[in-house]
C-alpha atoms as a PDB file:
ATOM      1  CA  MET A   1      25.160  -2.935 -16.797  1.00  0.00           C
ATOM      2  CA  ARG A   2      23.114  -5.589 -18.479  1.00  0.00           C
ATOM      3  CA  TRP A   3      19.336  -5.525 -18.872  1.00  0.00           C
ATOM      4  CA  ALA A   4      18.794  -8.508 -16.571  1.00  0.00           C
ATOM      5  CA  GLU A   5      20.907  -6.910 -13.860  1.00  0.00           C
ATOM      6  CA  ALA A   6      18.985  -3.637 -14.150  1.00  0.00           C
ATOM      7  CA  LYS A   7      15.677  -5.489 -13.786  1.00  0.00           C
ATOM      8  CA  ARG A   8      16.930  -7.342 -10.692  1.00  0.00           C
ATOM      9  CA  ILE A   9      18.028  -4.081  -9.073  1.00  0.00           C
ATOM     10  CA  SER A  10      14.657  -2.527  -9.858  1.00  0.00           C
ATOM     11  CA  VAL A  11      12.823  -5.447  -8.272  1.00  0.00           C
ATOM     12  CA  ARG A  12      15.025  -5.329  -5.159  1.00  0.00           C
ATOM     13  CA  LYS A  13      14.241  -1.651  -4.609  1.00  0.00           C
ATOM     14  CA  SER A  14      10.487  -2.037  -5.170  1.00  0.00           C
ATOM     15  CA  ASP A  15       7.965  -2.378  -2.386  1.00  0.00           C
ATOM     16  CA  ARG A  16       5.641  -5.351  -2.794  1.00  0.00           C
ATOM     17  CA  ARG A  17       2.623  -3.361  -1.662  1.00  0.00           C
ATOM     18  CA  SER A  18       3.126  -0.751  -4.375  1.00  0.00           C
ATOM     19  CA  LEU A  19       3.657  -3.497  -6.952  1.00  0.00           C
ATOM     20  CA  TRP A  20       0.299  -5.009  -5.980  1.00  0.00           C
ATOM     21  CA  VAL A  21      -1.357  -1.590  -6.303  1.00  0.00           C
ATOM     22  CA  PHE A  22       0.126  -1.099  -9.775  1.00  0.00           C
ATOM     23  CA  PHE A  23      -0.903  -4.645 -10.722  1.00  0.00           C
ATOM     24  CA  GLY A  24      -4.478  -3.931  -9.614  1.00  0.00           C
ATOM     25  CA  LEU A  25      -4.554  -0.700 -11.592  1.00  0.00           C
ATOM     26  CA  GLY A  26      -3.216  -2.580 -14.603  1.00  0.00           C
ATOM     27  CA  VAL A  27      -6.001  -5.137 -14.335  1.00  0.00           C
ATOM     28  CA  VAL A  28      -8.583  -2.351 -14.155  1.00  0.00           C
ATOM     29  CA  MET A  29      -7.098  -0.518 -17.148  1.00  0.00           C
ATOM     30  CA  THR A  30      -6.896  -3.743 -19.167  1.00  0.00           C
ATOM     31  CA  ALA A  31     -10.532  -4.538 -18.361  1.00  0.00           C
ATOM     32  CA  LEU A  32     -11.573  -1.020 -19.391  1.00  0.00           C
ATOM     33  CA  GLY A  33      -9.593  -1.447 -22.599  1.00  0.00           C
ATOM     34  CA  VAL A  34     -11.372  -4.712 -23.348  1.00  0.00           C
ATOM     35  CA  PHE A  35     -14.726  -3.027 -22.693  1.00  0.00           C
ATOM     36  CA  ALA A  36     -13.792  -0.147 -24.992  1.00  0.00           C
ATOM     37  CA  THR A  37     -12.646  -2.612 -27.645  1.00  0.00           C
ATOM     38  CA  PHE A  38     -16.006  -4.392 -27.552  1.00  0.00           C
ATOM     39  CA  ALA A  39     -17.739  -1.020 -27.808  1.00  0.00           C
ATOM     40  CA  VAL A  40     -15.617  -0.022 -30.812  1.00  0.00           C
ATOM     41  CA  PHE A  41     -16.207  -3.365 -32.530  1.00  0.00           C
ATOM     42  CA  ALA A  42     -19.965  -3.051 -31.915  1.00  0.00           C
ATOM     43  CA  MET A  43     -20.004   0.300 -33.694  1.00  0.00           C
ATOM     44  CA  LYS A  44     -19.485   0.638 -37.379  1.00  0.00           C
ATOM     45  CA  GLY A  45     -16.148   2.289 -36.742  1.00  0.00           C
ATOM     46  CA  ASP A  46     -13.081   2.754 -38.835  1.00  0.00           C
ATOM     47  CA  LEU A  47     -10.408   0.057 -39.027  1.00  0.00           C
ATOM     48  CA  TRP A  48      -7.903   2.360 -37.319  1.00  0.00           C
ATOM     49  CA  ASP A  49     -10.246   2.763 -34.340  1.00  0.00           C
ATOM     50  CA  LYS A  50     -10.295  -1.004 -33.929  1.00  0.00           C
ATOM     51  CA  ILE A  51      -6.532  -1.266 -34.244  1.00  0.00           C
ATOM     52  CA  THR A  52      -6.048   1.509 -31.686  1.00  0.00           C
ATOM     53  CA  ALA A  53      -8.394  -0.217 -29.235  1.00  0.00           C
ATOM     54  CA  LEU A  54      -6.550  -3.524 -29.622  1.00  0.00           C
ATOM     55  CA  CYS A  55      -3.197  -1.788 -29.144  1.00  0.00           C
ATOM     56  CA  GLY A  56      -4.498  -0.264 -25.908  1.00  0.00           C
ATOM     57  CA  VAL A  57      -5.473  -3.683 -24.589  1.00  0.00           C
ATOM     58  CA  ALA A  58      -2.086  -5.098 -25.579  1.00  0.00           C
ATOM     59  CA  PHE A  59      -0.226  -2.185 -23.949  1.00  0.00           C
ATOM     60  CA  PHE A  60      -2.026  -2.365 -20.613  1.00  0.00           C
ATOM     61  CA  GLY A  61      -2.020  -6.168 -20.653  1.00  0.00           C
ATOM     62  CA  ALA A  62       1.743  -6.247 -21.166  1.00  0.00           C
ATOM     63  CA  GLY A  63       2.231  -3.765 -18.335  1.00  0.00           C
ATOM     64  CA  THR A  64       0.048  -5.861 -16.046  1.00  0.00           C
ATOM     65  CA  LEU A  65       2.014  -9.005 -16.865  1.00  0.00           C
ATOM     66  CA  PHE A  66       5.256  -7.132 -16.210  1.00  0.00           C
ATOM     67  CA  PHE A  67       4.056  -6.113 -12.732  1.00  0.00           C
ATOM     68  CA  LEU A  68       2.988  -9.701 -12.058  1.00  0.00           C
ATOM     69  CA  TRP A  69       6.481 -10.826 -13.037  1.00  0.00           C
ATOM     70  CA  MET A  70       7.993  -8.205 -10.709  1.00  0.00           C
ATOM     71  CA  ILE A  71       5.810  -9.419  -7.827  1.00  0.00           C
ATOM     72  CA  ARG A  72       6.968 -12.988  -8.400  1.00  0.00           C
ATOM     73  CA  GLN A  73      10.613 -11.902  -8.533  1.00  0.00           C
ATOM     74  CA  ALA A  74      10.215  -9.843  -5.366  1.00  0.00           C
ATOM     75  CA  GLY A  75       8.773 -12.911  -3.651  1.00  0.00           C
ATOM     76  CA  GLN A  76      11.766 -15.041  -4.644  1.00  0.00           C
ATOM     77  CA  ARG A  77      14.328 -12.625  -3.212  1.00  0.00           C
ATOM     78  CA  GLU A  78      12.899 -12.829   0.314  1.00  0.00           C
END
């Protein structure tokens, strides 16, 4: 099974309502990560604290974009 085929099967079996819930949670977590990043940059913190905060924003942002992509794919199949 190829990666693209596995993603299509996953989208077909997903409920759009749950995808929207996960997307909303991703937006909230990304916003909290951005807030935490600003708080870390405002402090005189260590470089690794700043890198960790930025990685958190990137992680949750990528997850949010992935759920947005899944919502769009689920809309195309119907």
